[in-house]
Protein backbone atom coordinates (compact mmCIF):
# COMPACT_ATOMS: atom_id res chain seq x y z
CA MET A 1 0.00 0.00 0.00
CA HIS A 2 0.97 3.66 0.20
CA PRO A 3 0.56 6.41 2.83
CA TYR A 4 -2.08 8.12 0.69
CA LEU A 5 -4.28 5.02 0.99
CA HIS A 6 -3.87 4.98 4.77
CA ALA A 7 -4.67 8.72 4.76
CA GLU A 8 -7.99 7.86 3.11
CA GLN A 9 -8.77 4.94 5.44
CA SER A 10 -7.31 6.15 8.77
CA PRO A 11 -6.61 9.88 8.39
CA GLU A 12 -6.11 10.57 12.10
CA LYS A 13 -3.77 7.64 12.78
CA PRO A 14 -0.26 8.87 13.69
CA ALA A 15 2.27 8.23 10.93
CA ILE A 16 5.14 9.87 12.86
CA ILE A 17 5.74 10.69 16.52
CA MET A 18 8.86 12.64 17.44
CA ALA A 19 10.35 11.09 20.58
CA ALA A 20 11.65 14.24 22.28
CA THR A 21 8.60 16.46 21.81
CA GLY A 22 5.78 13.98 21.29
CA ALA A 23 4.78 15.93 18.17
CA VAL A 24 2.45 13.87 15.96
CA GLN A 25 2.00 13.91 12.21
CA THR A 26 -1.05 11.96 11.07
CA PHE A 27 -1.31 10.05 7.80
CA ALA A 28 -3.61 12.77 6.48
CA GLN A 29 -1.07 15.46 7.33
CA LEU A 30 1.81 13.43 5.86
CA ASN A 31 -0.13 12.88 2.65
CA ASP A 32 -1.00 16.58 2.31
CA ALA A 33 2.56 17.67 3.07
CA SER A 34 4.11 15.21 0.61
CA ASN A 35 1.70 16.40 -2.09
CA GLN A 36 2.77 19.99 -1.44
CA MET A 37 6.40 18.93 -1.67
CA ALA A 38 5.71 17.19 -4.99
CA HIS A 39 4.13 20.37 -6.35
CA LEU A 40 7.18 22.35 -5.23
CA PHE A 41 9.44 19.97 -7.14
CA ARG A 42 7.39 20.39 -10.30
CA GLN A 43 7.28 24.17 -9.86
CA GLU A 44 11.09 24.09 -9.82
CA GLY A 45 11.12 22.22 -13.12
CA LEU A 46 12.07 18.88 -11.60
CA ASN A 47 10.40 16.34 -13.82
CA ILE A 48 10.53 12.56 -13.70
CA GLY A 49 14.07 11.19 -13.47
CA ARG A 50 15.67 14.25 -11.88
CA THR A 51 17.54 14.21 -8.56
CA VAL A 52 16.88 16.07 -5.31
CA ALA A 53 18.71 15.93 -1.98
CA VAL A 54 17.94 16.37 1.71
CA LEU A 55 20.32 17.45 4.50
CA LEU A 56 18.42 17.09 7.74
CA ASP A 57 18.88 15.66 11.19
CA ASN A 58 15.99 13.51 12.41
CA HIS A 59 13.60 16.33 11.57
CA PRO A 60 9.77 16.28 11.77
CA ASN A 61 9.49 17.06 8.05
CA PHE A 62 12.02 14.54 6.77
CA PHE A 63 9.32 12.28 5.33
CA ASP A 64 7.43 15.16 3.72
CA PHE A 65 10.49 15.36 1.48
CA ALA A 66 10.98 11.61 1.03
CA TRP A 67 7.37 10.77 0.18
CA GLY A 68 7.09 13.91 -1.97
CA ALA A 69 10.06 12.73 -4.05
CA GLN A 70 8.84 9.12 -4.11
CA ARG A 71 5.50 10.12 -5.62
CA SER A 72 7.16 12.54 -8.09
CA GLY A 73 9.34 10.00 -9.91
CA LEU A 74 12.56 11.52 -8.58
CA TYR A 75 15.79 10.14 -7.21
CA TYR A 76 16.16 11.38 -3.65
CA VAL A 77 19.56 11.56 -1.97
CA ALA A 78 19.76 11.55 1.83
CA ILE A 79 23.01 13.29 2.80
CA PRO A 80 24.53 12.55 6.24
CA SER A 81 23.72 15.58 8.35
CA ARG A 82 27.14 15.89 9.99
CA LEU A 83 29.14 16.33 6.78
CA THR A 84 31.16 19.43 6.01
CA ALA A 85 30.30 21.85 3.24
CA GLU A 86 32.96 20.34 0.97
CA GLU A 87 31.60 16.84 1.51
CA VAL A 88 28.01 17.95 0.89
CA SER A 89 29.14 19.73 -2.28
CA TYR A 90 30.80 16.57 -3.53
CA ILE A 91 27.63 14.48 -3.11
CA LEU A 92 25.47 17.17 -4.72
CA SER A 93 27.79 17.38 -7.72
CA ASP A 94 28.28 13.63 -8.04
CA SER A 95 24.58 12.83 -7.81
CA GLY A 96 23.51 15.63 -10.13
CA ALA A 97 21.03 16.99 -7.59
CA SER A 98 19.23 20.15 -8.65
CA LEU A 99 17.58 20.99 -5.34
CA LEU A 100 18.53 20.67 -1.66
CA VAL A 101 16.14 20.73 1.31
CA SER A 102 17.70 21.43 4.71
CA SER A 103 17.16 23.38 7.94
CA SER A 104 18.53 26.50 9.59
CA THR A 105 20.61 24.35 11.95
CA LYS A 106 22.89 23.77 8.95
CA GLN A 107 23.10 27.45 8.00
CA ASN A 108 26.90 27.73 7.89
CA VAL A 109 27.22 24.62 5.74
CA LEU A 110 24.39 25.75 3.47
CA ASP A 111 25.93 29.18 2.91
CA ALA A 112 29.23 27.60 1.87
CA VAL A 113 27.46 25.07 -0.36
CA ARG A 114 25.52 27.84 -2.07
CA ASP A 115 28.84 29.43 -3.02
CA SER A 116 30.34 26.17 -4.31
CA ASN A 117 27.15 24.80 -5.93
CA PRO A 118 25.18 27.83 -7.10
CA GLU A 119 23.27 25.66 -9.57
CA VAL A 120 21.57 23.76 -6.69
CA LYS A 121 18.42 25.50 -5.46
CA GLN A 122 18.15 25.53 -1.66
CA PHE A 123 15.07 25.45 0.56
CA ILE A 124 15.48 25.77 4.32
CA TYR A 125 13.13 24.90 7.18
CA GLY A 126 13.31 27.77 9.64
CA GLY A 127 15.17 29.92 7.12
CA ASP A 128 15.07 33.70 7.39
CA ASP A 129 15.93 34.63 3.79
CA ASP A 130 14.64 33.81 0.31
CA ARG A 131 15.39 30.13 0.93
CA ALA A 132 12.68 29.72 3.61
CA ILE A 133 10.58 26.72 2.60
CA GLU A 134 7.47 27.18 4.77
CA PRO A 135 5.81 30.02 2.81
CA VAL A 136 6.56 28.28 -0.49
CA LEU A 137 5.00 25.01 0.65
CA ALA A 138 1.98 26.79 2.15
CA ALA A 139 1.12 28.10 -1.31
CA MET A 140 1.18 24.61 -2.86
CA PRO A 141 -1.94 22.45 -3.38
CA GLU A 142 -2.52 19.50 -1.07
CA THR A 143 -3.84 17.42 -3.97
CA PRO A 144 -1.65 15.00 -5.98
CA ILE A 145 0.36 16.21 -8.97
CA ASP A 146 -1.01 15.11 -12.35
CA ASP A 147 1.95 12.94 -13.35
CA GLU A 148 2.67 10.84 -10.26
CA ARG A 149 5.28 8.14 -10.81
CA HIS A 150 7.21 5.87 -8.44
CA GLY A 151 10.65 7.33 -7.64
CA THR A 152 13.39 5.83 -5.49
CA ASP A 153 16.24 6.67 -3.16
CA MET A 154 19.83 7.16 -4.28
CA LEU A 155 22.05 6.41 -1.33
CA TYR A 156 25.77 6.85 -0.81
CA SER A 157 28.22 4.50 0.83
CA SER A 158 29.43 5.59 4.25
CA GLY A 159 32.94 6.28 2.98
CA THR A 160 34.96 4.27 5.51
CA THR A 161 37.68 3.69 2.92
CA GLY A 162 37.45 6.76 0.70
CA ARG A 163 34.99 8.98 -1.12
CA PRO A 164 31.39 7.75 -0.84
CA LYS A 165 29.86 6.21 -3.96
CA GLY A 166 26.25 6.52 -4.99
CA VAL A 167 24.00 3.56 -5.68
CA ARG A 168 21.52 4.59 -8.37
CA ILE A 169 18.97 1.81 -8.79
CA PRO A 170 16.74 1.96 -11.88
CA PHE A 171 13.14 2.98 -11.28
CA PRO A 172 10.65 0.11 -11.11
CA GLU A 173 9.01 -0.54 -14.46
CA ASN A 174 5.63 -0.24 -12.77
CA GLU A 175 4.96 3.49 -12.35
CA ASP A 176 2.28 3.02 -9.67
CA ILE A 177 3.43 4.73 -6.47
CA ALA A 178 1.44 2.18 -4.43
CA GLN A 179 2.86 -0.93 -6.08
CA PRO A 180 3.90 -3.88 -3.87
CA ASN A 181 7.23 -3.39 -2.16
CA PRO A 182 9.62 -6.36 -1.67
CA LEU A 183 10.70 -4.95 1.69
CA VAL A 184 7.07 -4.88 2.86
CA MET A 185 6.67 -8.54 1.94
CA MET A 186 9.96 -9.37 3.67
CA ALA A 187 8.97 -7.39 6.78
CA GLN A 188 5.69 -9.26 7.06
CA GLY A 189 7.09 -12.65 6.06
CA ALA A 190 10.57 -13.17 7.52
CA PHE A 191 10.39 -10.54 10.26
CA GLY A 192 6.77 -10.92 11.30
CA PHE A 193 5.78 -7.24 11.18
CA SER A 194 2.02 -6.68 11.39
CA PRO A 195 0.03 -4.04 9.49
CA GLY A 196 -0.47 -0.99 11.67
CA CYS A 197 2.50 -1.81 13.93
CA THR A 198 4.36 0.69 16.11
CA TYR A 199 8.03 0.98 15.15
CA LEU A 200 10.91 2.59 17.06
CA SER A 201 13.62 4.15 14.89
CA PRO A 202 16.70 5.07 17.00
CA ALA A 203 19.11 5.83 14.12
CA PRO A 204 19.71 8.71 11.68
CA LEU A 205 17.11 8.79 8.92
CA TYR A 206 19.69 9.53 6.22
CA HIS A 207 21.05 6.01 6.59
CA ALA A 208 19.73 3.31 4.26
CA ALA A 209 18.17 1.01 6.86
CA PRO A 210 16.25 3.62 8.92
CA LEU A 211 15.05 5.43 5.81
CA ARG A 212 13.82 2.30 4.05
CA TRP A 213 12.39 0.60 7.13
CA CYS A 214 10.48 3.72 8.21
CA MET A 215 8.99 4.12 4.74
CA THR A 216 8.10 0.42 4.78
CA ILE A 217 6.25 0.89 8.07
CA HIS A 218 4.33 3.80 6.53
CA LYS A 219 3.34 1.58 3.62
CA MET A 220 2.01 -0.90 6.17
CA GLY A 221 -0.03 1.79 7.91
CA GLY A 222 2.19 1.74 10.99
CA THR A 223 3.40 4.47 13.32
CA VAL A 224 7.08 5.42 13.42
CA ILE A 225 8.56 6.75 16.67
CA ILE A 226 11.61 8.79 15.63
CA MET A 227 14.36 9.36 18.16
CA GLU A 228 16.13 12.63 17.46
CA LYS A 229 19.25 11.11 19.03
CA PHE A 230 19.86 7.68 20.48
CA ASP A 231 19.97 7.37 24.24
CA PRO A 232 19.90 3.86 25.70
CA GLU A 233 17.59 4.50 28.63
CA ASN A 234 15.28 6.74 26.63
CA ALA A 235 14.93 3.99 24.02
CA LEU A 236 13.65 1.61 26.70
CA ALA A 237 11.31 4.28 28.05
CA LEU A 238 9.86 4.83 24.57
CA ILE A 239 9.25 1.10 24.08
CA GLU A 240 7.24 1.09 27.31
CA LYS A 241 5.42 4.38 26.67
CA TYR A 242 4.24 3.64 23.13
CA LYS A 243 3.97 -0.17 23.44
CA VAL A 244 6.45 -0.50 20.58
CA ASP A 245 6.18 -3.90 18.92
CA VAL A 246 8.89 -3.69 16.21
CA SER A 247 12.23 -1.90 16.08
CA GLN A 248 15.54 -1.79 14.21
CA TRP A 249 18.99 -1.52 15.81
CA VAL A 250 22.73 -1.80 15.33
CA PRO A 251 25.02 -3.75 17.68
CA THR A 252 26.30 -0.54 19.29
CA HIS A 253 22.77 0.18 20.49
CA PHE A 254 22.57 -3.26 22.08
CA SER A 255 25.94 -2.86 23.78
CA ARG A 256 25.05 0.50 25.27
CA MET A 257 21.67 -0.65 26.54
CA LEU A 258 23.31 -3.68 28.16
CA LYS A 259 25.81 -1.46 29.95
CA LEU A 260 23.08 0.42 31.75
CA PRO A 261 22.82 -0.53 35.43
CA GLU A 262 20.70 -3.66 35.73
CA ALA A 263 18.12 -1.87 37.88
CA THR A 264 17.74 0.77 35.18
CA ARG A 265 17.35 -1.77 32.40
CA LEU A 266 14.83 -3.91 34.19
CA LYS A 267 12.53 -1.16 35.39
CA TYR A 268 11.16 -0.68 31.86
CA ASP A 269 8.49 -2.98 30.41
CA VAL A 270 9.63 -4.11 26.96
CA SER A 271 7.21 -7.02 26.72
CA SER A 272 5.33 -5.34 23.85
CA LEU A 273 8.28 -6.02 21.53
CA LYS A 274 7.55 -8.77 19.03
CA CYS A 275 10.54 -8.23 16.72
CA ALA A 276 13.86 -6.45 17.13
CA VAL A 277 15.78 -6.30 13.86
CA HIS A 278 19.51 -5.64 13.74
CA ALA A 279 22.16 -5.29 11.08
CA ALA A 280 24.94 -2.88 9.92
CA ALA A 281 27.83 -4.75 11.58
CA PRO A 282 28.57 -8.16 13.09
CA CYS A 283 27.20 -8.37 16.62
CA PRO A 284 29.60 -9.78 19.25
CA VAL A 285 28.29 -13.18 20.31
CA PRO A 286 28.16 -12.38 24.06
CA VAL A 287 26.21 -9.19 23.36
CA LYS A 288 23.59 -10.99 21.30
CA GLU A 289 23.37 -13.81 23.82
CA LYS A 290 22.56 -11.28 26.55
CA MET A 291 20.00 -9.49 24.36
CA ILE A 292 18.16 -12.73 23.60
CA ALA A 293 18.23 -13.64 27.31
CA TRP A 294 16.78 -10.20 28.13
CA TRP A 295 14.26 -9.62 25.32
CA GLY A 296 13.57 -13.22 24.39
CA PRO A 297 13.92 -14.93 20.98
CA ILE A 298 12.53 -11.94 19.09
CA ILE A 299 15.85 -10.70 17.69
CA ARG A 300 16.23 -11.16 13.97
CA GLU A 301 19.32 -10.25 11.99
CA TYR A 302 20.02 -9.58 8.35
CA TYR A 303 23.05 -8.86 6.19
CA ALA A 304 22.65 -6.68 3.10
CA GLY A 305 23.81 -3.43 1.53
CA SER A 306 22.31 -0.43 -0.22
CA GLU A 307 23.32 -2.12 -3.46
CA GLY A 308 20.56 -4.73 -3.11
CA ASN A 309 22.70 -7.55 -4.54
CA GLY A 310 21.89 -10.00 -1.76
CA PHE A 311 20.14 -10.44 1.57
CA THR A 312 20.62 -13.00 4.35
CA PHE A 313 18.41 -13.56 7.38
CA ILE A 314 18.55 -15.41 10.69
CA ASN A 315 16.11 -15.65 13.60
CA SER A 316 17.03 -16.13 17.26
CA GLU A 317 16.36 -19.85 17.28
CA ASP A 318 18.70 -20.54 14.34
CA TRP A 319 21.28 -18.11 15.70
CA LEU A 320 21.45 -19.95 19.01
CA GLU A 321 22.34 -23.07 17.02
CA HIS A 322 24.78 -21.14 14.78
CA LYS A 323 26.14 -18.40 17.02
CA GLY A 324 27.77 -15.57 15.14
CA SER A 325 26.00 -16.32 11.86
CA VAL A 326 24.09 -13.74 9.81
CA GLY A 327 21.92 -16.47 8.34
CA LYS A 328 21.02 -17.92 4.98
CA ALA A 329 20.28 -16.02 1.80
CA LEU A 330 16.73 -14.87 1.10
CA LEU A 331 17.92 -12.97 -1.97
CA GLY A 332 20.74 -14.30 -4.15
CA ILE A 333 23.05 -17.29 -3.72
CA VAL A 334 26.07 -16.96 -1.40
CA HIS A 335 29.54 -17.91 -2.66
CA ILE A 336 32.85 -17.67 -0.74
CA CYS A 337 35.80 -17.12 -3.08
CA ASP A 338 39.59 -16.91 -2.86
CA GLU A 339 41.88 -14.34 -4.46
CA ASN A 340 41.47 -16.11 -7.83
CA ASP A 341 37.66 -15.87 -7.63
CA ASP A 342 37.39 -19.64 -7.14
CA GLU A 343 35.07 -21.04 -4.49
CA VAL A 344 36.68 -22.31 -1.31
CA ALA A 345 35.75 -25.29 0.82
CA THR A 346 33.07 -25.18 3.50
CA GLY A 347 34.33 -23.41 6.60
CA VAL A 348 37.18 -21.64 4.80
CA GLU A 349 37.24 -17.84 4.86
CA GLY A 350 37.14 -15.81 1.68
CA GLN A 351 35.41 -12.88 0.05
CA ILE A 352 31.61 -13.03 0.10
CA TYR A 353 29.84 -12.88 -3.27
CA PHE A 354 26.17 -13.05 -4.23
CA GLU A 355 24.84 -14.63 -7.40
CA GLY A 356 21.44 -13.70 -8.80
CA GLY A 357 20.70 -10.50 -6.86
CA ALA A 358 20.42 -7.01 -8.27
CA PRO A 359 23.36 -5.89 -10.41
CA VAL A 360 25.86 -3.65 -8.64
CA LYS A 361 26.64 -0.34 -10.29
CA TYR A 362 28.27 2.63 -8.59
CA HIS A 363 27.39 6.04 -9.95
CA ASN A 364 30.24 7.67 -11.87
CA ASP A 365 32.70 4.97 -10.78
CA PRO A 366 33.21 2.22 -13.35
CA GLU A 367 36.39 1.02 -11.59
CA LYS A 368 34.61 0.38 -8.31
CA THR A 369 31.75 -1.23 -10.22
CA LYS A 370 34.19 -3.56 -11.96
CA ALA A 371 35.95 -4.38 -8.68
CA ALA A 372 32.63 -5.43 -7.15
CA HIS A 373 32.32 -8.25 -9.73
CA ASN A 374 34.37 -11.41 -10.09
CA LYS A 375 35.03 -13.57 -13.14
CA HIS A 376 31.74 -15.41 -12.65
CA GLY A 377 29.75 -12.18 -12.67
CA TRP A 378 28.92 -12.53 -8.98
CA THR A 379 28.98 -9.35 -6.88
CA SER A 380 30.49 -8.45 -3.52
CA LEU A 381 30.21 -5.71 -0.92
CA GLY A 382 33.86 -6.28 -0.01
CA ASP A 383 33.21 -8.34 3.10
CA VAL A 384 35.03 -11.49 4.16
CA GLY A 385 33.38 -14.53 5.71
CA LYS A 386 32.68 -18.23 5.61
CA VAL A 387 29.77 -20.66 5.27
CA ASP A 388 29.29 -23.64 7.59
CA GLU A 389 28.14 -27.12 6.67
CA ASP A 390 24.49 -26.11 7.15
CA GLY A 391 24.78 -23.19 4.75
CA PHE A 392 24.85 -20.41 7.35
CA LEU A 393 26.99 -17.36 6.54
CA TYR A 394 29.43 -15.83 9.04
CA LEU A 395 31.05 -12.41 8.58
CA THR A 396 34.71 -12.03 9.44
CA ASP A 397 35.45 -8.41 8.53
CA ARG A 398 35.88 -5.94 5.72
CA LYS A 399 38.61 -7.03 3.33
CA SER A 400 40.02 -3.50 3.38
CA PHE A 401 40.50 -3.64 7.18
CA MET A 402 42.56 -6.83 7.17
CA ILE A 403 45.92 -6.56 8.97
CA ILE A 404 48.90 -8.44 7.55
CA SER A 405 51.45 -8.93 10.33
CA GLY A 406 54.48 -11.06 9.57
CA GLY A 407 52.60 -12.59 6.64
CA VAL A 408 49.63 -13.58 8.82
CA ASN A 409 46.17 -12.28 7.93
CA ILE A 410 44.37 -10.84 10.97
CA TYR A 411 40.80 -9.57 10.89
CA PRO A 412 40.11 -6.82 13.48
CA GLN A 413 36.42 -7.59 13.97
CA GLU A 414 37.10 -10.65 16.13
CA ILE A 415 39.33 -8.63 18.46
CA GLU A 416 36.90 -5.69 18.60
CA ASN A 417 34.00 -8.00 19.40
CA LEU A 418 35.90 -9.38 22.36
CA LEU A 419 37.10 -6.00 23.65
CA ILE A 420 33.59 -4.54 23.71
CA THR A 421 32.46 -7.27 26.09
CA HIS A 422 34.85 -6.05 28.80
CA PRO A 423 32.75 -4.33 31.49
CA LYS A 424 35.04 -1.28 31.60
CA ILE A 425 35.01 -0.65 27.82
CA THR A 426 32.48 1.53 25.98
CA ASP A 427 33.91 1.26 22.47
CA ALA A 428 36.90 -0.18 20.66
CA ALA A 429 38.61 -0.17 17.27
CA VAL A 430 41.43 -2.37 16.08
CA ILE A 431 43.69 -1.33 13.21
CA GLY A 432 47.02 -2.16 11.64
CA ALA A 433 49.84 0.31 12.26
CA PRO A 434 53.30 0.32 10.64
CA ASP A 435 55.95 -1.94 12.14
CA GLU A 436 59.53 -2.22 10.87
CA ASP A 437 59.83 -5.89 11.75
CA MET A 438 56.36 -7.30 11.04
CA GLY A 439 55.15 -4.88 8.39
CA GLU A 440 52.04 -4.15 10.43
CA LYS A 441 51.26 -4.50 14.10
CA VAL A 442 47.86 -4.86 15.76
CA VAL A 443 46.80 -1.71 17.64
CA ALA A 444 43.67 -1.39 19.78
CA VAL A 445 42.19 2.07 20.25
CA VAL A 446 39.89 1.87 23.24
CA GLN A 447 37.25 4.15 24.76
CA PRO A 448 37.05 3.29 28.47
CA SER A 449 33.79 3.77 30.35
CA ASN A 450 35.81 5.98 32.69
CA MET A 451 38.91 7.79 31.43
CA ASN A 452 40.45 7.38 34.87
CA ASN A 453 41.05 3.80 33.75
CA ALA A 454 43.23 4.94 30.86
CA THR A 455 46.40 3.64 32.44
CA ALA A 456 49.25 1.29 31.62
CA GLU A 457 47.91 -1.09 34.27
CA PHE A 458 44.50 -1.23 32.57
CA ALA A 459 46.18 -1.87 29.22
CA GLN A 460 47.90 -4.87 30.79
CA GLU A 461 44.56 -6.03 32.19
CA LEU A 462 43.03 -5.85 28.73
CA GLU A 463 45.93 -7.76 27.20
CA ALA A 464 45.49 -10.54 29.74
CA PHE A 465 41.74 -10.53 29.09
CA LEU A 466 42.29 -10.97 25.33
CA ARG A 467 44.88 -13.71 25.75
CA GLN A 468 42.25 -15.89 27.38
CA SER A 469 40.45 -16.18 24.04
CA LEU A 470 42.84 -15.15 21.26
CA SER A 471 46.04 -16.57 19.85
CA GLY A 472 49.12 -14.48 20.56
CA VAL A 473 49.39 -13.08 17.03
CA LYS A 474 45.96 -11.45 17.40
CA VAL A 475 46.63 -9.80 20.75
CA PRO A 476 47.32 -6.06 20.22
CA ARG A 477 50.93 -5.06 20.64
CA GLN A 478 49.78 -1.55 21.49
CA ILE A 479 46.66 -0.35 23.36
CA ASP A 480 45.81 3.34 23.25
CA PHE A 481 42.94 5.16 24.97
CA ARG A 482 40.57 7.83 23.60
CA GLU A 483 37.64 9.70 25.10
CA THR A 484 35.62 8.99 21.96
CA LEU A 485 36.06 7.09 18.70
CA PRO A 486 35.09 8.48 15.27
CA ARG A 487 31.83 6.56 15.05
CA GLU A 488 28.91 7.70 12.89
CA ALA A 489 25.55 8.01 14.61
CA THR A 490 24.43 4.99 12.60
CA GLY A 491 26.98 2.90 14.48
CA LYS A 492 29.46 2.84 11.61
CA LEU A 493 33.06 3.22 12.75
CA TYR A 494 35.25 5.47 10.61
CA LYS A 495 38.23 3.21 10.99
CA ARG A 496 40.00 4.80 8.04
CA LEU A 497 40.51 8.00 10.05
CA LEU A 498 42.28 6.12 12.82
CA ARG A 499 44.34 4.08 10.38
CA ASP A 500 45.43 7.18 8.47
CA GLU A 501 46.46 8.82 11.72
CA TYR A 502 48.71 5.94 12.70
CA TRP A 503 50.20 5.74 9.22
CA GLY A 504 51.01 9.46 9.29
CA LYS A 505 48.63 10.44 6.51
CA THR A 506 47.26 13.97 6.55
CA GLY A 507 44.09 15.47 5.20
CA SER A 508 42.02 12.43 6.09
CA ARG A 509 38.39 13.32 6.38
CA ILE A 510 35.03 11.75 7.05
CA VAL A 511 33.16 11.66 3.74
């Protein structure tokens, strides 16, 4: 279905509730606002196939833009809200966006972008100049445009290893804006979402998963509770307050909720939850074990990318039998290949490829597109893993993060997953740093729960802790402490920034 159909059937049902303020936008209001946005796009000459962009935090009007673009046959680019003006300018230029919607909280960035990208028309919520969007929208009709056509998102990689690359998926052949959505069918089938459900979204809306899952909930006639910023205790309070039955998380969210005092965690009633979805990064086994023990066998995990070339799924019951797995493929066929693109034996690590999913094509980057394919035509997101004898996939790490020390391949994820289980650790990153003897050495960069613990004695304690579970070659030869790590609000760790720092590279930036 589509929000406009729910606006006809249940106009007063909340489509969006903002967590901090409790502000409600009904399906009728969302439909009217998205129609006005669609008329604005057409007034600006943006016809079917053009590109628009949004630069917003978790803002009450984010989905006015998204649904307005979806029903206008446009590509809509969600730009991470913390990027610099130069980074925003790059995405605008690369995507070919003609219009940018943002808010006055980004005024300094927007002013600089207007100078560097004068061809991109800007509209600003809360603006105090000719870019103010409210009076323009108020003058637009609340009825549909005459030439509605299904548009789609154009999302950019998170840029952990370089400039982000856009994924521009062709429009569906069916122009109907209310056509069946594969993600809706997957949400109802594999994940057990019910029509009209209440969904908690704790992550930034510009990220692929929150954006797509929230729009899927709207198609199902459900209510989305949007957290402006994740806070572990507040998330639990919201579940209790709104009787949330479905939600979507990343492992960092789980870890931070688990590190709340037990009395704090247990005072909130989370029994309304029927499904908690997680993805984005491998979840440390002890963390997921504790979450299942706390919330019950409602946790369901998937592995996929914006590229849409494959999708794996695992429920709690199967995970408990195959701990650490991200499941079996629901879309595409999984292959594990060596450096020669040949398949390896069961249980052997290699690069993960999918056969039969959507083709992978990166906008304006034929080299990266070519690198994502192997000689069989299968496609990869660049991750490394293995498949067990029952066909369950396990992620090891990103190929680009692999450390080669003395000729031995070491994947940081295993070490990070263990570090984060230490009760005195809030966050951790493991990288390879230069070493004259070994080529690279393993370095752990750790965020203690209390910086008073950032001592040589605590580093020794951590080393002893790791040696209980890891072979000597994997134990970090150096442990450094930081107050914070460069982690995106989505949970994505910008490991490249740390690695560049240790390798003495300058000018490294988050893009």
